[in-house]
């Protein structure tokens, strides 16, 4: 008779697991205390690990904060890209899929929203944060603009400017995230998604069935 023995994780896997554990602890700590009040001691305690482990994997608090912001950026990018990949080729379907990705549960987790806004509040004084945040929207805006251009052409919406709609979408999306954060009991992700879809239906009237 053979005995099943669970293999020990390889060093590479173990390192990845530890890093993610510490990043998730950082997210929890920032959401609870804010960016300025979060310390390595708070993070290590939240993760249930020694502070030495934090230093081993990230060498400093600044590095850990930078990697936490990159983690959120990459997760966000993967979410909208996956949603877009599942949509059909027509621009209205793609626009609906792209915008709805902003209101998935993994994106609108209250802790993550709190962390996004905490970092955004520091971008003027922290160029590294600013760059990472800009990277978050650079490719998104390019894809969004391309989809809008194709939709405007398809529907012959001669009175609509793709750049203006892009700016409106981004401003509304940030505002809806903020409303979800500060009014968690009143504004839920489905409500926010509905508001965005109504805006699209009113803007692209000949394609409103894609959004309602």
N, C-alpha and C. Protein backbone atom coordinates (compact mmCIF):
# COMPACT_ATOMS: atom_id res chain seq x y z
N UNK A 1 0.85 -1.19 0.00
CA UNK A 1 0.00 0.00 0.00
C UNK A 1 0.88 1.24 0.00
N UNK A 2 0.52 2.20 -0.83
CA UNK A 2 1.30 3.43 -0.91
C UNK A 2 0.63 4.52 -0.09
N UNK A 3 1.41 5.42 0.40
CA UNK A 3 0.90 6.54 1.19
C UNK A 3 1.04 7.82 0.39
N UNK A 4 -0.08 8.56 0.27
CA UNK A 4 -0.03 9.83 -0.46
C UNK A 4 0.61 10.89 0.42
N UNK A 5 1.67 11.45 -0.05
CA UNK A 5 2.38 12.50 0.69
C UNK A 5 2.28 13.79 -0.11
N UNK A 6 1.81 14.82 0.54
CA UNK A 6 1.70 16.10 -0.15
C UNK A 6 3.09 16.68 -0.37
N UNK A 7 3.40 17.05 -1.60
CA UNK A 7 4.73 17.60 -1.87
C UNK A 7 4.89 18.96 -1.21
N UNK A 8 6.10 19.23 -0.76
CA UNK A 8 6.40 20.55 -0.22
C UNK A 8 6.42 21.56 -1.36
N UNK A 9 5.96 22.78 -1.12
CA UNK A 9 6.00 23.78 -2.19
C UNK A 9 7.43 24.12 -2.56
N UNK A 10 7.65 24.33 -3.84
CA UNK A 10 8.98 24.71 -4.29
C UNK A 10 9.30 26.10 -3.77
N UNK A 11 10.58 26.47 -3.69
CA UNK A 11 10.92 27.82 -3.22
C UNK A 11 10.24 28.92 -4.02
N UNK A 12 10.12 28.71 -5.36
CA UNK A 12 9.49 29.73 -6.20
C UNK A 12 8.02 29.90 -5.82
N UNK A 13 7.31 28.76 -5.66
CA UNK A 13 5.90 28.82 -5.29
C UNK A 13 5.74 29.43 -3.91
N UNK A 14 6.57 28.99 -2.97
CA UNK A 14 6.48 29.50 -1.61
C UNK A 14 6.71 31.00 -1.57
N UNK A 15 7.65 31.48 -2.35
CA UNK A 15 7.94 32.91 -2.40
C UNK A 15 6.74 33.67 -2.93
N UNK A 16 6.12 33.16 -4.00
CA UNK A 16 4.96 33.81 -4.56
C UNK A 16 3.79 33.85 -3.60
N UNK A 17 3.59 32.76 -2.87
CA UNK A 17 2.51 32.69 -1.89
C UNK A 17 2.74 33.69 -0.77
N UNK A 18 3.96 33.77 -0.29
CA UNK A 18 4.29 34.70 0.80
C UNK A 18 4.10 36.16 0.34
N UNK A 19 4.57 36.47 -0.86
CA UNK A 19 4.44 37.83 -1.36
C UNK A 19 2.97 38.24 -1.49
N UNK A 20 2.16 37.33 -2.01
CA UNK A 20 0.74 37.65 -2.14
C UNK A 20 0.09 37.80 -0.77
N UNK A 21 0.49 36.94 0.16
CA UNK A 21 -0.04 37.02 1.52
C UNK A 21 0.26 38.38 2.14
N UNK A 22 1.48 38.86 1.93
CA UNK A 22 1.88 40.15 2.49
C UNK A 22 1.19 41.31 1.78
N UNK A 23 1.00 41.19 0.48
CA UNK A 23 0.29 42.23 -0.27
C UNK A 23 -1.16 42.31 0.18
N UNK A 24 -1.80 41.17 0.37
CA UNK A 24 -3.19 41.17 0.84
C UNK A 24 -3.30 41.73 2.24
N UNK A 25 -2.29 41.48 3.07
CA UNK A 25 -2.27 42.06 4.41
C UNK A 25 -2.08 43.57 4.33
N UNK A 26 -1.30 44.02 3.38
CA UNK A 26 -1.10 45.46 3.18
C UNK A 26 -2.40 46.12 2.76
N UNK A 27 -3.12 45.48 1.86
CA UNK A 27 -4.42 46.01 1.43
C UNK A 27 -5.36 46.14 2.63
N UNK A 28 -5.41 45.11 3.45
CA UNK A 28 -6.29 45.12 4.63
C UNK A 28 -5.89 46.22 5.61
N UNK A 29 -4.59 46.41 5.79
CA UNK A 29 -4.12 47.41 6.74
C UNK A 29 -4.39 48.83 6.25
N UNK A 30 -4.13 49.08 4.96
CA UNK A 30 -4.39 50.42 4.41
C UNK A 30 -5.88 50.73 4.46
N UNK A 31 -6.71 49.76 4.14
CA UNK A 31 -8.15 49.96 4.16
C UNK A 31 -8.64 50.29 5.57
N UNK A 32 -7.97 49.74 6.57
CA UNK A 32 -8.37 49.95 7.97
C UNK A 32 -7.79 51.23 8.55
N UNK A 33 -6.50 51.51 8.25
CA UNK A 33 -5.80 52.60 8.94
C UNK A 33 -5.44 53.78 8.04
N UNK A 34 -5.45 53.56 6.74
CA UNK A 34 -4.96 54.58 5.82
C UNK A 34 -3.52 54.30 5.45
N UNK A 35 -3.05 55.00 4.43
CA UNK A 35 -1.71 54.76 3.91
C UNK A 35 -0.63 55.23 4.88
N UNK A 36 -0.80 56.42 5.42
CA UNK A 36 0.23 56.98 6.28
C UNK A 36 0.39 56.26 7.60
N UNK A 37 -0.70 55.70 8.12
CA UNK A 37 -0.65 55.06 9.44
C UNK A 37 -0.26 53.58 9.37
N UNK A 38 -0.22 53.04 8.18
CA UNK A 38 0.14 51.63 8.03
C UNK A 38 1.65 51.45 8.22
N UNK A 39 2.03 50.51 9.06
CA UNK A 39 3.45 50.22 9.31
C UNK A 39 3.74 48.77 8.97
N UNK A 40 5.01 48.44 8.87
CA UNK A 40 5.40 47.06 8.63
C UNK A 40 4.94 46.16 9.77
N UNK A 41 4.92 46.69 10.97
CA UNK A 41 4.44 45.91 12.11
C UNK A 41 2.97 45.56 11.95
N UNK A 42 2.16 46.52 11.48
CA UNK A 42 0.74 46.25 11.23
C UNK A 42 0.59 45.17 10.16
N UNK A 43 1.37 45.30 9.10
CA UNK A 43 1.26 44.36 7.98
C UNK A 43 1.66 42.96 8.39
N UNK A 44 2.77 42.85 9.09
CA UNK A 44 3.24 41.52 9.51
C UNK A 44 2.25 40.88 10.48
N UNK A 45 1.68 41.69 11.37
CA UNK A 45 0.70 41.15 12.32
C UNK A 45 -0.56 40.68 11.60
N UNK A 46 -1.00 41.46 10.62
CA UNK A 46 -2.19 41.08 9.84
C UNK A 46 -1.96 39.79 9.07
N UNK A 47 -0.75 39.65 8.54
CA UNK A 47 -0.40 38.45 7.77
C UNK A 47 -0.08 37.26 8.66
N UNK A 48 0.15 37.53 9.95
CA UNK A 48 0.54 36.45 10.86
C UNK A 48 1.96 35.99 10.63
N UNK A 49 2.82 36.91 10.19
CA UNK A 49 4.21 36.59 9.89
C UNK A 49 5.12 37.57 10.64
N UNK A 50 6.39 37.22 10.70
CA UNK A 50 7.34 38.10 11.37
C UNK A 50 7.69 39.28 10.46
N UNK A 51 8.10 40.38 11.08
CA UNK A 51 8.49 41.54 10.29
C UNK A 51 9.71 41.24 9.44
N UNK A 52 10.53 40.31 9.90
CA UNK A 52 11.70 39.90 9.12
C UNK A 52 11.31 39.29 7.78
N UNK A 53 10.18 38.58 7.74
CA UNK A 53 9.69 37.99 6.49
C UNK A 53 9.31 39.10 5.51
N UNK A 54 8.71 40.17 6.03
CA UNK A 54 8.35 41.30 5.17
C UNK A 54 9.61 41.89 4.55
N UNK A 55 10.62 42.11 5.37
CA UNK A 55 11.88 42.67 4.87
C UNK A 55 12.57 41.73 3.88
N UNK A 56 12.44 40.44 4.12
CA UNK A 56 13.07 39.45 3.24
C UNK A 56 12.49 39.52 1.83
N UNK A 57 11.18 39.66 1.74
CA UNK A 57 10.52 39.62 0.44
C UNK A 57 10.43 40.98 -0.25
N UNK A 58 10.45 42.07 0.53
CA UNK A 58 10.25 43.38 -0.09
C UNK A 58 11.32 44.41 0.28
N UNK A 59 12.18 44.09 1.20
CA UNK A 59 13.32 44.91 1.66
C UNK A 59 12.94 46.22 2.35
N UNK A 60 11.78 46.82 2.00
CA UNK A 60 11.38 48.07 2.63
C UNK A 60 9.87 48.26 2.51
N UNK A 61 9.35 49.17 3.33
CA UNK A 61 7.93 49.49 3.26
C UNK A 61 7.58 50.11 1.91
N UNK A 62 8.45 50.99 1.41
CA UNK A 62 8.19 51.63 0.12
C UNK A 62 8.05 50.60 -0.99
N UNK A 63 8.94 49.62 -1.01
CA UNK A 63 8.86 48.57 -2.04
C UNK A 63 7.56 47.79 -1.91
N UNK A 64 7.17 47.49 -0.69
CA UNK A 64 5.94 46.74 -0.48
C UNK A 64 4.73 47.55 -0.94
N UNK A 65 4.70 48.82 -0.65
CA UNK A 65 3.59 49.66 -1.09
C UNK A 65 3.55 49.75 -2.61
N UNK A 66 4.71 49.92 -3.23
CA UNK A 66 4.75 49.97 -4.69
C UNK A 66 4.23 48.68 -5.30
N UNK A 67 4.64 47.55 -4.74
CA UNK A 67 4.21 46.25 -5.28
C UNK A 67 2.72 46.01 -5.02
N UNK A 68 2.21 46.54 -3.93
CA UNK A 68 0.78 46.42 -3.66
C UNK A 68 -0.03 47.18 -4.69
N UNK A 69 0.41 48.38 -5.02
CA UNK A 69 -0.28 49.17 -6.04
C UNK A 69 -0.18 48.50 -7.41
N UNK A 70 0.98 47.94 -7.73
CA UNK A 70 1.14 47.22 -9.00
C UNK A 70 0.23 45.99 -9.04
N UNK A 71 0.10 45.32 -7.92
CA UNK A 71 -0.76 44.14 -7.83
C UNK A 71 -2.20 44.52 -8.18
N UNK A 72 -2.69 45.62 -7.60
CA UNK A 72 -4.05 46.06 -7.90
C UNK A 72 -4.19 46.49 -9.35
N UNK A 73 -3.17 47.17 -9.87
CA UNK A 73 -3.18 47.59 -11.27
C UNK A 73 -3.26 46.37 -12.19
N UNK A 74 -2.42 45.38 -11.95
CA UNK A 74 -2.39 44.19 -12.81
C UNK A 74 -3.68 43.40 -12.71
N UNK A 75 -4.23 43.29 -11.51
CA UNK A 75 -5.49 42.57 -11.32
C UNK A 75 -6.61 43.26 -12.08
N UNK A 76 -6.64 44.58 -12.01
CA UNK A 76 -7.66 45.35 -12.72
C UNK A 76 -7.53 45.14 -14.23
N UNK A 77 -6.31 45.21 -14.73
CA UNK A 77 -6.07 45.04 -16.16
C UNK A 77 -6.49 43.64 -16.63
N UNK A 78 -6.16 42.64 -15.87
CA UNK A 78 -6.53 41.26 -16.23
C UNK A 78 -8.04 41.09 -16.24
N UNK A 79 -8.74 41.78 -15.34
CA UNK A 79 -10.20 41.65 -15.25
C UNK A 79 -10.87 42.22 -16.48
N UNK A 80 -10.50 43.45 -16.88
CA UNK A 80 -11.19 44.02 -18.04
C UNK A 80 -10.77 43.36 -19.35
N UNK A 81 -9.53 42.90 -19.42
CA UNK A 81 -9.09 42.21 -20.63
C UNK A 81 -9.82 40.88 -20.79
N UNK A 82 -10.04 40.17 -19.68
CA UNK A 82 -10.77 38.91 -19.74
C UNK A 82 -12.22 39.14 -20.14
N UNK A 83 -12.83 40.19 -19.63
CA UNK A 83 -14.22 40.50 -19.98
C UNK A 83 -14.33 40.86 -21.46
N UNK A 84 -13.37 41.61 -21.94
CA UNK A 84 -13.38 42.01 -23.35
C UNK A 84 -13.17 40.82 -24.27
N UNK A 85 -12.33 39.88 -23.85
CA UNK A 85 -12.05 38.70 -24.66
C UNK A 85 -13.29 37.82 -24.85
N UNK A 86 -14.23 37.89 -23.91
CA UNK A 86 -15.44 37.08 -23.98
C UNK A 86 -16.54 37.75 -24.80
N UNK A 87 -16.38 39.04 -25.08
CA UNK A 87 -17.41 39.77 -25.82
C UNK A 87 -17.33 39.47 -27.31
N UNK A 88 -18.42 39.71 -28.02
CA UNK A 88 -18.41 39.54 -29.47
C UNK A 88 -17.65 40.70 -30.11
N UNK A 89 -17.51 40.66 -31.41
CA UNK A 89 -16.66 41.63 -32.11
C UNK A 89 -17.29 43.00 -32.30
N UNK A 90 -18.60 43.11 -32.16
CA UNK A 90 -19.22 44.41 -32.44
C UNK A 90 -18.91 45.40 -31.32
N UNK A 91 -18.74 46.67 -31.65
CA UNK A 91 -18.27 47.65 -30.66
C UNK A 91 -19.22 47.88 -29.49
N UNK A 92 -20.51 47.78 -29.70
CA UNK A 92 -21.45 48.01 -28.61
C UNK A 92 -21.32 46.91 -27.55
N UNK A 93 -21.21 45.67 -28.00
CA UNK A 93 -21.02 44.56 -27.06
C UNK A 93 -19.70 44.70 -26.30
N UNK A 94 -18.68 45.11 -27.01
CA UNK A 94 -17.38 45.29 -26.39
C UNK A 94 -17.39 46.42 -25.37
N UNK A 95 -18.07 47.50 -25.71
CA UNK A 95 -18.16 48.63 -24.78
C UNK A 95 -18.90 48.22 -23.51
N UNK A 96 -20.00 47.52 -23.66
CA UNK A 96 -20.76 47.07 -22.49
C UNK A 96 -19.91 46.15 -21.61
N UNK A 97 -19.21 45.22 -22.24
CA UNK A 97 -18.37 44.28 -21.48
C UNK A 97 -17.25 44.99 -20.76
N UNK A 98 -16.61 45.93 -21.45
CA UNK A 98 -15.50 46.66 -20.87
C UNK A 98 -15.94 47.47 -19.65
N UNK A 99 -17.05 48.17 -19.77
CA UNK A 99 -17.51 49.03 -18.68
C UNK A 99 -18.08 48.23 -17.52
N UNK A 100 -18.74 47.12 -17.80
CA UNK A 100 -19.28 46.29 -16.73
C UNK A 100 -18.18 45.66 -15.88
N UNK A 101 -17.01 45.48 -16.47
CA UNK A 101 -15.89 44.90 -15.72
C UNK A 101 -15.51 45.76 -14.53
N UNK A 102 -15.80 47.05 -14.58
CA UNK A 102 -15.50 47.96 -13.47
C UNK A 102 -16.32 47.66 -12.23
N UNK A 103 -17.37 46.84 -12.37
CA UNK A 103 -18.29 46.62 -11.26
C UNK A 103 -18.36 45.15 -10.85
N UNK A 104 -17.36 44.39 -11.26
CA UNK A 104 -17.26 43.01 -10.80
C UNK A 104 -16.89 43.02 -9.32
N UNK A 105 -17.27 41.96 -8.62
CA UNK A 105 -17.05 41.91 -7.17
C UNK A 105 -15.58 42.02 -6.81
N UNK A 106 -14.71 41.42 -7.62
CA UNK A 106 -13.27 41.46 -7.32
C UNK A 106 -12.69 42.86 -7.46
N UNK A 107 -13.31 43.67 -8.31
CA UNK A 107 -12.83 45.03 -8.54
C UNK A 107 -13.39 45.99 -7.49
N UNK A 108 -14.66 45.84 -7.15
CA UNK A 108 -15.32 46.79 -6.25
C UNK A 108 -15.29 46.35 -4.79
N UNK A 109 -14.43 45.41 -4.46
CA UNK A 109 -14.21 45.08 -3.05
C UNK A 109 -13.89 46.37 -2.29
N UNK A 110 -14.58 46.61 -1.20
CA UNK A 110 -14.46 47.87 -0.48
C UNK A 110 -13.02 48.13 -0.02
N UNK A 111 -12.32 47.09 0.40
CA UNK A 111 -10.93 47.27 0.83
C UNK A 111 -10.07 47.75 -0.33
N UNK A 112 -10.28 47.17 -1.50
CA UNK A 112 -9.47 47.56 -2.66
C UNK A 112 -9.79 48.98 -3.10
N UNK A 113 -11.06 49.34 -3.06
CA UNK A 113 -11.42 50.71 -3.40
C UNK A 113 -10.77 51.70 -2.45
N UNK A 114 -10.77 51.36 -1.17
CA UNK A 114 -10.14 52.23 -0.18
C UNK A 114 -8.65 52.41 -0.47
N UNK A 115 -8.01 51.34 -0.89
CA UNK A 115 -6.57 51.40 -1.18
C UNK A 115 -6.32 52.23 -2.44
N UNK A 116 -7.14 52.05 -3.47
CA UNK A 116 -6.98 52.86 -4.68
C UNK A 116 -7.03 54.35 -4.33
N UNK A 117 -8.04 54.75 -3.58
CA UNK A 117 -8.19 56.16 -3.27
C UNK A 117 -7.09 56.65 -2.33
N UNK A 118 -6.60 55.78 -1.48
CA UNK A 118 -5.47 56.17 -0.61
C UNK A 118 -4.24 56.49 -1.44
N UNK A 119 -3.95 55.65 -2.42
CA UNK A 119 -2.80 55.90 -3.29
C UNK A 119 -3.02 57.12 -4.19
N UNK A 120 -4.22 57.25 -4.73
CA UNK A 120 -4.51 58.39 -5.59
C UNK A 120 -4.30 59.70 -4.85
N UNK A 121 -4.56 59.71 -3.54
CA UNK A 121 -4.37 60.91 -2.75
C UNK A 121 -2.92 61.31 -2.59
N UNK A 122 -2.01 60.39 -2.93
CA UNK A 122 -0.58 60.64 -2.75
C UNK A 122 0.17 60.86 -4.06
N UNK A 123 -0.52 60.78 -5.19
CA UNK A 123 0.20 60.77 -6.48
C UNK A 123 0.97 62.06 -6.76
N UNK A 124 0.48 63.18 -6.25
CA UNK A 124 1.16 64.45 -6.53
C UNK A 124 2.54 64.51 -5.87
N UNK A 125 2.66 63.88 -4.72
CA UNK A 125 3.94 63.93 -4.00
C UNK A 125 4.78 62.69 -4.19
N UNK A 126 4.21 61.66 -4.81
CA UNK A 126 4.93 60.40 -5.00
C UNK A 126 4.90 60.02 -6.48
N UNK A 127 5.94 60.40 -7.24
CA UNK A 127 5.96 60.12 -8.68
C UNK A 127 5.80 58.64 -9.02
N UNK A 128 6.30 57.75 -8.16
CA UNK A 128 6.18 56.32 -8.43
C UNK A 128 4.72 55.90 -8.42
N UNK A 129 3.97 56.38 -7.45
CA UNK A 129 2.54 56.07 -7.39
C UNK A 129 1.83 56.63 -8.62
N UNK A 130 2.22 57.84 -8.99
CA UNK A 130 1.58 58.48 -10.14
C UNK A 130 1.79 57.67 -11.41
N UNK A 131 3.00 57.18 -11.61
CA UNK A 131 3.29 56.40 -12.81
C UNK A 131 2.48 55.11 -12.84
N UNK A 132 2.43 54.41 -11.71
CA UNK A 132 1.69 53.15 -11.64
C UNK A 132 0.21 53.39 -11.90
N UNK A 133 -0.33 54.47 -11.32
CA UNK A 133 -1.74 54.79 -11.54
C UNK A 133 -2.00 55.18 -12.99
N UNK A 134 -1.07 55.90 -13.58
CA UNK A 134 -1.22 56.26 -15.00
C UNK A 134 -1.15 55.03 -15.89
N UNK A 135 -0.28 54.09 -15.54
CA UNK A 135 -0.18 52.84 -16.29
C UNK A 135 -1.50 52.07 -16.25
N UNK A 136 -2.22 52.21 -15.15
CA UNK A 136 -3.50 51.51 -14.99
C UNK A 136 -4.49 51.92 -16.06
N UNK A 137 -4.50 53.21 -16.42
CA UNK A 137 -5.52 53.70 -17.34
C UNK A 137 -5.02 53.91 -18.76
N UNK A 138 -3.72 53.87 -18.98
CA UNK A 138 -3.18 54.18 -20.30
C UNK A 138 -3.71 53.23 -21.37
N UNK A 139 -3.53 51.93 -21.18
CA UNK A 139 -3.99 50.97 -22.17
C UNK A 139 -5.50 50.89 -22.20
N UNK A 140 -6.11 51.00 -21.03
CA UNK A 140 -7.57 50.99 -20.94
C UNK A 140 -8.16 52.11 -21.79
N UNK A 141 -7.62 53.32 -21.64
CA UNK A 141 -8.13 54.46 -22.41
C UNK A 141 -7.94 54.28 -23.91
N UNK A 142 -6.82 53.68 -24.27
CA UNK A 142 -6.57 53.43 -25.69
C UNK A 142 -7.62 52.48 -26.26
N UNK A 143 -7.87 51.39 -25.55
CA UNK A 143 -8.85 50.40 -26.00
C UNK A 143 -10.25 51.01 -26.00
N UNK A 144 -10.58 51.73 -24.93
CA UNK A 144 -11.89 52.37 -24.84
C UNK A 144 -12.10 53.35 -26.00
N UNK A 145 -11.09 54.16 -26.28
CA UNK A 145 -11.19 55.12 -27.37
C UNK A 145 -11.39 54.45 -28.72
N UNK A 146 -10.70 53.35 -28.94
CA UNK A 146 -10.84 52.61 -30.20
C UNK A 146 -12.26 52.06 -30.35
N UNK A 147 -12.80 51.49 -29.27
CA UNK A 147 -14.15 50.95 -29.32
C UNK A 147 -15.17 52.06 -29.57
N UNK A 148 -15.00 53.18 -28.90
CA UNK A 148 -15.92 54.30 -29.09
C UNK A 148 -15.88 54.84 -30.52
N UNK A 149 -14.69 54.93 -31.08
CA UNK A 149 -14.56 55.40 -32.46
C UNK A 149 -15.32 54.48 -33.41
N UNK A 150 -15.19 53.19 -33.22
CA UNK A 150 -15.89 52.24 -34.09
C UNK A 150 -17.40 52.30 -33.90
N UNK A 151 -17.83 52.48 -32.65
CA UNK A 151 -19.26 52.57 -32.38
C UNK A 151 -19.85 53.84 -32.96
N UNK A 152 -19.14 54.94 -32.83
CA UNK A 152 -19.60 56.21 -33.41
C UNK A 152 -19.73 56.10 -34.92
N UNK A 153 -18.77 55.46 -35.54
CA UNK A 153 -18.80 55.28 -37.00
C UNK A 153 -19.95 54.36 -37.40
N UNK A 154 -20.10 53.26 -36.68
CA UNK A 154 -21.15 52.29 -37.01
C UNK A 154 -22.53 52.92 -36.89
N UNK A 155 -22.75 53.70 -35.85
CA UNK A 155 -24.07 54.31 -35.62
C UNK A 155 -24.24 55.67 -36.24
N UNK A 156 -23.19 56.16 -36.92
CA UNK A 156 -23.22 57.48 -37.54
C UNK A 156 -23.62 58.56 -36.52
N UNK A 157 -22.97 58.49 -35.36
CA UNK A 157 -23.24 59.48 -34.30
C UNK A 157 -22.32 60.68 -34.54
N UNK A 158 -22.71 61.51 -35.48
CA UNK A 158 -21.84 62.62 -35.91
C UNK A 158 -21.68 63.70 -34.85
N UNK A 159 -22.60 63.73 -33.88
CA UNK A 159 -22.55 64.77 -32.85
C UNK A 159 -21.82 64.30 -31.58
N UNK A 160 -21.21 63.14 -31.63
CA UNK A 160 -20.54 62.58 -30.44
C UNK A 160 -19.04 62.51 -30.68
N UNK A 161 -18.28 62.98 -29.72
CA UNK A 161 -16.82 62.95 -29.80
C UNK A 161 -16.29 61.86 -28.88
N UNK A 162 -15.47 60.97 -29.41
CA UNK A 162 -14.96 59.83 -28.65
C UNK A 162 -14.14 60.27 -27.44
N UNK A 163 -13.34 61.30 -27.62
CA UNK A 163 -12.51 61.78 -26.51
C UNK A 163 -13.37 62.31 -25.37
N UNK A 164 -14.41 63.07 -25.71
CA UNK A 164 -15.30 63.61 -24.68
C UNK A 164 -16.01 62.50 -23.92
N UNK A 165 -16.47 61.49 -24.64
CA UNK A 165 -17.16 60.38 -23.99
C UNK A 165 -16.20 59.60 -23.10
N UNK A 166 -14.96 59.42 -23.56
CA UNK A 166 -13.95 58.74 -22.75
C UNK A 166 -13.74 59.48 -21.43
N UNK A 167 -13.60 60.80 -21.50
CA UNK A 167 -13.40 61.60 -20.30
C UNK A 167 -14.61 61.48 -19.38
N UNK A 168 -15.80 61.49 -19.96
CA UNK A 168 -17.01 61.36 -19.16
C UNK A 168 -17.11 60.02 -18.48
N UNK A 169 -16.76 58.96 -19.21
CA UNK A 169 -16.80 57.61 -18.64
C UNK A 169 -15.82 57.49 -17.48
N UNK A 170 -14.60 57.99 -17.67
CA UNK A 170 -13.59 57.86 -16.63
C UNK A 170 -13.98 58.64 -15.38
N UNK A 171 -14.51 59.85 -15.58
CA UNK A 171 -14.93 60.66 -14.44
C UNK A 171 -16.10 60.00 -13.71
N UNK A 172 -17.06 59.48 -14.46
CA UNK A 172 -18.20 58.83 -13.84
C UNK A 172 -17.79 57.55 -13.12
N UNK A 173 -16.89 56.77 -13.73
CA UNK A 173 -16.44 55.53 -13.12
C UNK A 173 -15.76 55.79 -11.77
N UNK A 174 -14.87 56.79 -11.75
CA UNK A 174 -14.20 57.14 -10.49
C UNK A 174 -15.21 57.62 -9.45
N UNK A 175 -16.18 58.40 -9.90
CA UNK A 175 -17.19 58.90 -8.98
C UNK A 175 -18.06 57.78 -8.41
N UNK A 176 -18.40 56.82 -9.24
CA UNK A 176 -19.21 55.69 -8.78
C UNK A 176 -18.43 54.83 -7.80
N UNK A 177 -17.14 54.63 -8.06
CA UNK A 177 -16.29 53.91 -7.11
C UNK A 177 -16.26 54.63 -5.77
N UNK A 178 -16.12 55.94 -5.81
CA UNK A 178 -16.08 56.72 -4.58
C UNK A 178 -17.40 56.62 -3.82
N UNK A 179 -18.50 56.68 -4.55
CA UNK A 179 -19.81 56.54 -3.91
C UNK A 179 -19.96 55.18 -3.24
N UNK A 180 -19.48 54.14 -3.90
CA UNK A 180 -19.53 52.81 -3.31
C UNK A 180 -18.69 52.73 -2.04
N UNK A 181 -17.58 53.43 -2.04
CA UNK A 181 -16.69 53.40 -0.89
C UNK A 181 -17.27 54.14 0.31
N UNK A 182 -17.78 55.33 0.08
CA UNK A 182 -18.23 56.15 1.21
C UNK A 182 -19.69 55.90 1.58
N UNK A 183 -20.45 55.27 0.68
CA UNK A 183 -21.86 54.97 0.96
C UNK A 183 -22.13 53.50 0.66
N UNK A 184 -21.34 52.64 1.31
CA UNK A 184 -21.38 51.21 1.00
C UNK A 184 -22.78 50.62 1.12
N UNK A 185 -23.58 51.13 2.05
CA UNK A 185 -24.91 50.56 2.25
C UNK A 185 -25.92 51.06 1.23
N UNK A 186 -25.62 52.19 0.61
CA UNK A 186 -26.59 52.82 -0.28
C UNK A 186 -26.31 52.55 -1.76
N UNK A 187 -25.05 52.58 -2.15
CA UNK A 187 -24.67 52.39 -3.54
C UNK A 187 -23.92 51.07 -3.69
N UNK A 188 -24.56 50.11 -4.31
CA UNK A 188 -23.95 48.81 -4.50
C UNK A 188 -23.45 48.69 -5.94
N UNK A 189 -22.64 47.67 -6.19
CA UNK A 189 -22.01 47.58 -7.51
C UNK A 189 -23.03 47.43 -8.63
N UNK A 190 -24.12 46.74 -8.37
CA UNK A 190 -25.15 46.59 -9.41
C UNK A 190 -25.82 47.92 -9.70
N UNK A 191 -25.98 48.74 -8.66
CA UNK A 191 -26.55 50.07 -8.87
C UNK A 191 -25.61 50.92 -9.72
N UNK A 192 -24.32 50.85 -9.38
CA UNK A 192 -23.33 51.64 -10.12
C UNK A 192 -23.27 51.21 -11.57
N UNK A 193 -23.29 49.90 -11.80
CA UNK A 193 -23.27 49.39 -13.18
C UNK A 193 -24.49 49.88 -13.95
N UNK A 194 -25.64 49.86 -13.31
CA UNK A 194 -26.88 50.32 -13.96
C UNK A 194 -26.78 51.78 -14.35
N UNK A 195 -26.22 52.61 -13.49
CA UNK A 195 -26.06 54.03 -13.78
C UNK A 195 -25.17 54.23 -15.01
N UNK A 196 -24.07 53.51 -15.06
CA UNK A 196 -23.16 53.62 -16.19
C UNK A 196 -23.83 53.15 -17.48
N UNK A 197 -24.56 52.05 -17.40
CA UNK A 197 -25.22 51.54 -18.59
C UNK A 197 -26.31 52.48 -19.09
N UNK A 198 -27.00 53.15 -18.16
CA UNK A 198 -28.01 54.11 -18.57
C UNK A 198 -27.37 55.29 -19.30
N UNK A 199 -26.20 55.69 -18.83
CA UNK A 199 -25.46 56.77 -19.49
C UNK A 199 -25.11 56.38 -20.91
N UNK A 200 -24.68 55.14 -21.10
CA UNK A 200 -24.33 54.67 -22.44
C UNK A 200 -25.57 54.57 -23.33
N UNK A 201 -26.68 54.11 -22.75
CA UNK A 201 -27.92 53.98 -23.53
C UNK A 201 -28.42 55.35 -23.98
N UNK A 202 -28.27 56.36 -23.14
CA UNK A 202 -28.70 57.71 -23.48
C UNK A 202 -27.76 58.38 -24.48
N UNK A 203 -26.50 57.94 -24.47
CA UNK A 203 -25.51 58.51 -25.39
C UNK A 203 -25.60 57.87 -26.76
N UNK A 204 -25.69 56.54 -26.77
CA UNK A 204 -25.74 55.79 -28.03
C UNK A 204 -27.15 55.21 -28.19
N UNK A 205 -28.07 56.08 -28.54
CA UNK A 205 -29.49 55.72 -28.52
C UNK A 205 -29.85 54.58 -29.47
N UNK A 206 -29.19 54.48 -30.60
CA UNK A 206 -29.51 53.41 -31.55
C UNK A 206 -28.96 52.06 -31.10
N UNK A 207 -28.17 52.06 -30.06
CA UNK A 207 -27.60 50.82 -29.54
C UNK A 207 -28.00 50.58 -28.08
N UNK A 208 -29.07 51.24 -27.63
CA UNK A 208 -29.41 51.19 -26.22
C UNK A 208 -29.73 49.79 -25.73
N UNK A 209 -30.17 48.91 -26.61
CA UNK A 209 -30.51 47.54 -26.19
C UNK A 209 -29.28 46.78 -25.68
N UNK A 210 -28.10 47.20 -26.06
CA UNK A 210 -26.88 46.55 -25.60
C UNK A 210 -26.56 46.90 -24.14
N UNK A 211 -27.13 48.01 -23.67
CA UNK A 211 -26.77 48.51 -22.36
C UNK A 211 -27.87 48.38 -21.31
N UNK A 212 -29.11 48.17 -21.76
CA UNK A 212 -30.23 48.08 -20.82
C UNK A 212 -30.73 46.65 -20.67
